[in-house]
């Protein structure tokens, strides 16, 4: 019986401003493309079911779970990972606020939280309850969330 290699597709993605062309197996997950092929290990693999939010990235400016997104689905997309958030001259106000308020303890959930927040409009989340709702898809086992809420309020000048 002949070997039937898995089908592949040629894709082009722009990640953090750099264009990458790759041939990927049809079932290759986007998180694996980012971490293994592009060495962008800030995108974390947690639950592998899209529940914990550790793998959150931005696809065309919108939060997405890279652990349940196929790489071929991102063909032609602009992707931002946590590595793409940080400006050359230091930290973003949100990153600084996370450090100021000890909103990152082990740091595993932090990239997903930062990317979720980067896509949010502060005016749509005026209260602490609104911020908690926004971040409801990002699980953190260390902080108890109040430090994260305090950091968000600082970064959003509240």
Protein backbone atom coordinates (compact mmCIF):
# COMPACT_ATOMS: atom_id res chain seq x y z
CA UNK A 1 0.00 0.00 0.00
CA UNK A 2 1.55 3.37 -0.97
CA UNK A 3 2.23 6.01 1.64
CA UNK A 4 -0.32 8.78 1.60
CA UNK A 5 1.45 11.81 2.97
CA UNK A 6 -0.79 14.35 4.57
CA UNK A 7 -1.83 17.10 2.18
CA UNK A 8 0.04 20.37 2.44
CA UNK A 9 -0.74 23.96 1.61
CA UNK A 10 1.41 26.95 0.85
CA UNK A 11 0.52 29.83 3.10
CA UNK A 12 1.68 33.38 3.63
CA UNK A 13 1.24 35.07 6.99
CA UNK A 14 2.49 38.37 8.31
CA UNK A 15 3.56 37.92 11.90
CA UNK A 16 4.58 40.97 13.92
CA UNK A 17 5.19 42.85 10.68
CA UNK A 18 7.32 40.17 8.98
CA UNK A 19 5.97 38.15 6.08
CA UNK A 20 6.53 34.39 6.19
CA UNK A 21 5.83 31.89 3.43
CA UNK A 22 5.59 28.27 4.52
CA UNK A 23 4.37 24.93 3.26
CA UNK A 24 2.37 23.39 6.08
CA UNK A 25 0.49 20.15 6.60
CA UNK A 26 -3.25 20.71 6.32
CA UNK A 27 -3.72 19.85 9.99
CA UNK A 28 -0.86 21.99 11.37
CA UNK A 29 -2.05 24.17 14.23
CA UNK A 30 -1.24 27.84 14.15
CA UNK A 31 0.28 27.67 17.63
CA UNK A 32 2.75 25.07 16.36
CA UNK A 33 3.64 27.19 13.34
CA UNK A 34 4.32 30.15 15.63
CA UNK A 35 6.25 28.30 18.32
CA UNK A 36 8.11 25.64 16.36
CA UNK A 37 8.54 27.07 12.87
CA UNK A 38 8.90 30.78 13.71
CA UNK A 39 10.42 30.41 17.24
CA UNK A 40 7.84 32.77 18.76
CA UNK A 41 7.50 30.98 22.06
CA UNK A 42 5.63 33.74 23.86
CA UNK A 43 2.45 32.13 22.60
CA UNK A 44 1.84 29.45 25.22
CA UNK A 45 0.16 26.08 24.87
CA UNK A 46 -2.09 25.40 27.83
CA UNK A 47 -5.27 23.39 27.58
CA UNK A 48 -5.09 22.73 23.81
CA UNK A 49 -8.88 23.12 23.65
CA UNK A 50 -9.23 26.91 23.34
CA UNK A 51 -10.46 27.29 26.90
CA UNK A 52 -7.58 28.75 28.93
CA UNK A 53 -6.55 31.64 26.68
CA UNK A 54 -2.79 31.10 27.04
CA UNK A 55 -2.46 30.75 23.26
CA UNK A 56 -4.36 33.95 22.44
CA UNK A 57 -2.96 35.97 19.54
CA UNK A 58 -4.43 38.64 17.31
CA UNK A 59 -5.50 37.70 13.81
CA UNK A 60 -6.26 40.81 11.79
CA UNK A 61 -6.60 42.69 15.07
CA UNK A 62 -9.03 40.28 16.73
CA UNK A 63 -8.22 37.86 19.57
CA UNK A 64 -8.07 34.23 18.48
CA UNK A 65 -7.06 30.94 20.06
CA UNK A 66 -4.07 29.67 18.12
CA UNK A 67 -4.36 26.18 19.63
CA UNK A 68 -7.64 25.54 17.80
CA UNK A 69 -6.86 27.47 14.63
CA UNK A 70 -5.28 25.70 11.71
CA UNK A 71 -2.32 27.44 10.13
CA UNK A 72 -4.05 27.28 6.73
CA UNK A 73 -6.92 29.32 8.19
CA UNK A 74 -4.48 32.18 8.78
CA UNK A 75 -3.30 32.32 5.16
CA UNK A 76 -3.09 35.98 4.16
CA UNK A 77 -3.70 37.21 7.70
CA UNK A 78 -1.81 39.67 9.83
CA UNK A 79 -0.92 38.06 13.15
CA UNK A 80 0.32 39.71 16.31
CA UNK A 81 1.94 37.69 19.08
CA UNK A 82 3.11 38.99 22.43
CA UNK A 83 6.54 39.52 20.92
CA UNK A 84 4.95 41.99 18.52
CA UNK A 85 3.38 44.10 21.27
CA UNK A 86 6.57 45.41 22.81
CA UNK A 87 7.96 48.57 21.23
CA UNK A 88 11.69 48.92 20.66
CA UNK A 89 11.96 51.63 23.30
CA UNK A 90 10.51 49.69 26.25
CA UNK A 91 7.19 48.37 27.47
CA UNK A 92 3.65 49.30 26.51
CA UNK A 93 1.62 51.07 29.21
CA UNK A 94 -0.25 47.81 29.85
CA UNK A 95 2.97 45.80 30.21
CA UNK A 96 4.34 48.45 32.60
CA UNK A 97 1.11 48.37 34.61
CA UNK A 98 1.27 44.57 34.85
CA UNK A 99 4.78 44.90 36.32
CA UNK A 100 3.76 47.77 38.63
CA UNK A 101 0.81 45.85 40.07
CA UNK A 102 2.37 42.38 40.22
CA UNK A 103 -0.26 41.19 37.76
CA UNK A 104 2.09 38.52 36.45
CA UNK A 105 3.27 35.90 38.82
CA UNK A 106 4.23 32.77 36.94
CA UNK A 107 3.60 34.62 33.65
CA UNK A 108 2.04 31.70 31.80
CA UNK A 109 -1.28 33.46 31.17
CA UNK A 110 0.23 36.92 30.68
CA UNK A 111 0.73 36.86 26.87
CA UNK A 112 -2.89 35.86 26.29
CA UNK A 113 -4.14 38.50 28.72
CA UNK A 114 -2.04 41.23 27.12
CA UNK A 115 -3.22 40.35 23.62
CA UNK A 116 -6.86 40.20 24.69
CA UNK A 117 -6.44 43.64 26.25
CA UNK A 118 -4.55 45.01 23.24
CA UNK A 119 -7.61 44.36 21.07
CA UNK A 120 -10.07 45.89 23.53
CA UNK A 121 -11.51 49.38 23.51
CA UNK A 122 -11.17 50.75 27.06
CA UNK A 123 -14.39 52.72 26.63
CA UNK A 124 -16.32 49.47 26.19
CA UNK A 125 -15.14 48.19 29.58
CA UNK A 126 -15.65 51.01 32.08
CA UNK A 127 -16.09 49.00 35.30
CA UNK A 128 -14.09 46.31 37.04
CA UNK A 129 -16.95 43.90 36.31
CA UNK A 130 -16.70 44.75 32.59
CA UNK A 131 -12.95 44.11 32.64
CA UNK A 132 -13.50 40.78 34.42
CA UNK A 133 -16.04 39.84 31.76
CA UNK A 134 -13.61 40.80 28.98
CA UNK A 135 -10.91 38.62 30.54
CA UNK A 136 -13.26 35.75 31.37
CA UNK A 137 -11.72 33.62 28.61
CA UNK A 138 -8.21 33.94 30.04
CA UNK A 139 -7.56 31.72 33.02
CA UNK A 140 -4.98 32.61 35.66
CA UNK A 141 -4.12 30.29 38.51
CA UNK A 142 -1.76 32.61 40.38
CA UNK A 143 -3.00 36.15 40.80
CA UNK A 144 -6.62 35.97 41.88
CA UNK A 145 -7.28 38.56 39.13
CA UNK A 146 -7.49 41.68 41.34
CA UNK A 147 -3.89 42.64 40.53
CA UNK A 148 -4.72 42.24 36.84
CA UNK A 149 -7.80 44.47 37.20
CA UNK A 150 -5.69 47.10 39.00
CA UNK A 151 -3.11 46.97 36.21
CA UNK A 152 -5.75 47.38 33.52
CA UNK A 153 -7.22 50.36 35.35
CA UNK A 154 -3.77 51.98 35.59
CA UNK A 155 -3.02 51.41 31.91
CA UNK A 156 -6.44 52.70 30.91
CA UNK A 157 -5.92 55.74 33.19
CA UNK A 158 -8.72 55.09 35.64
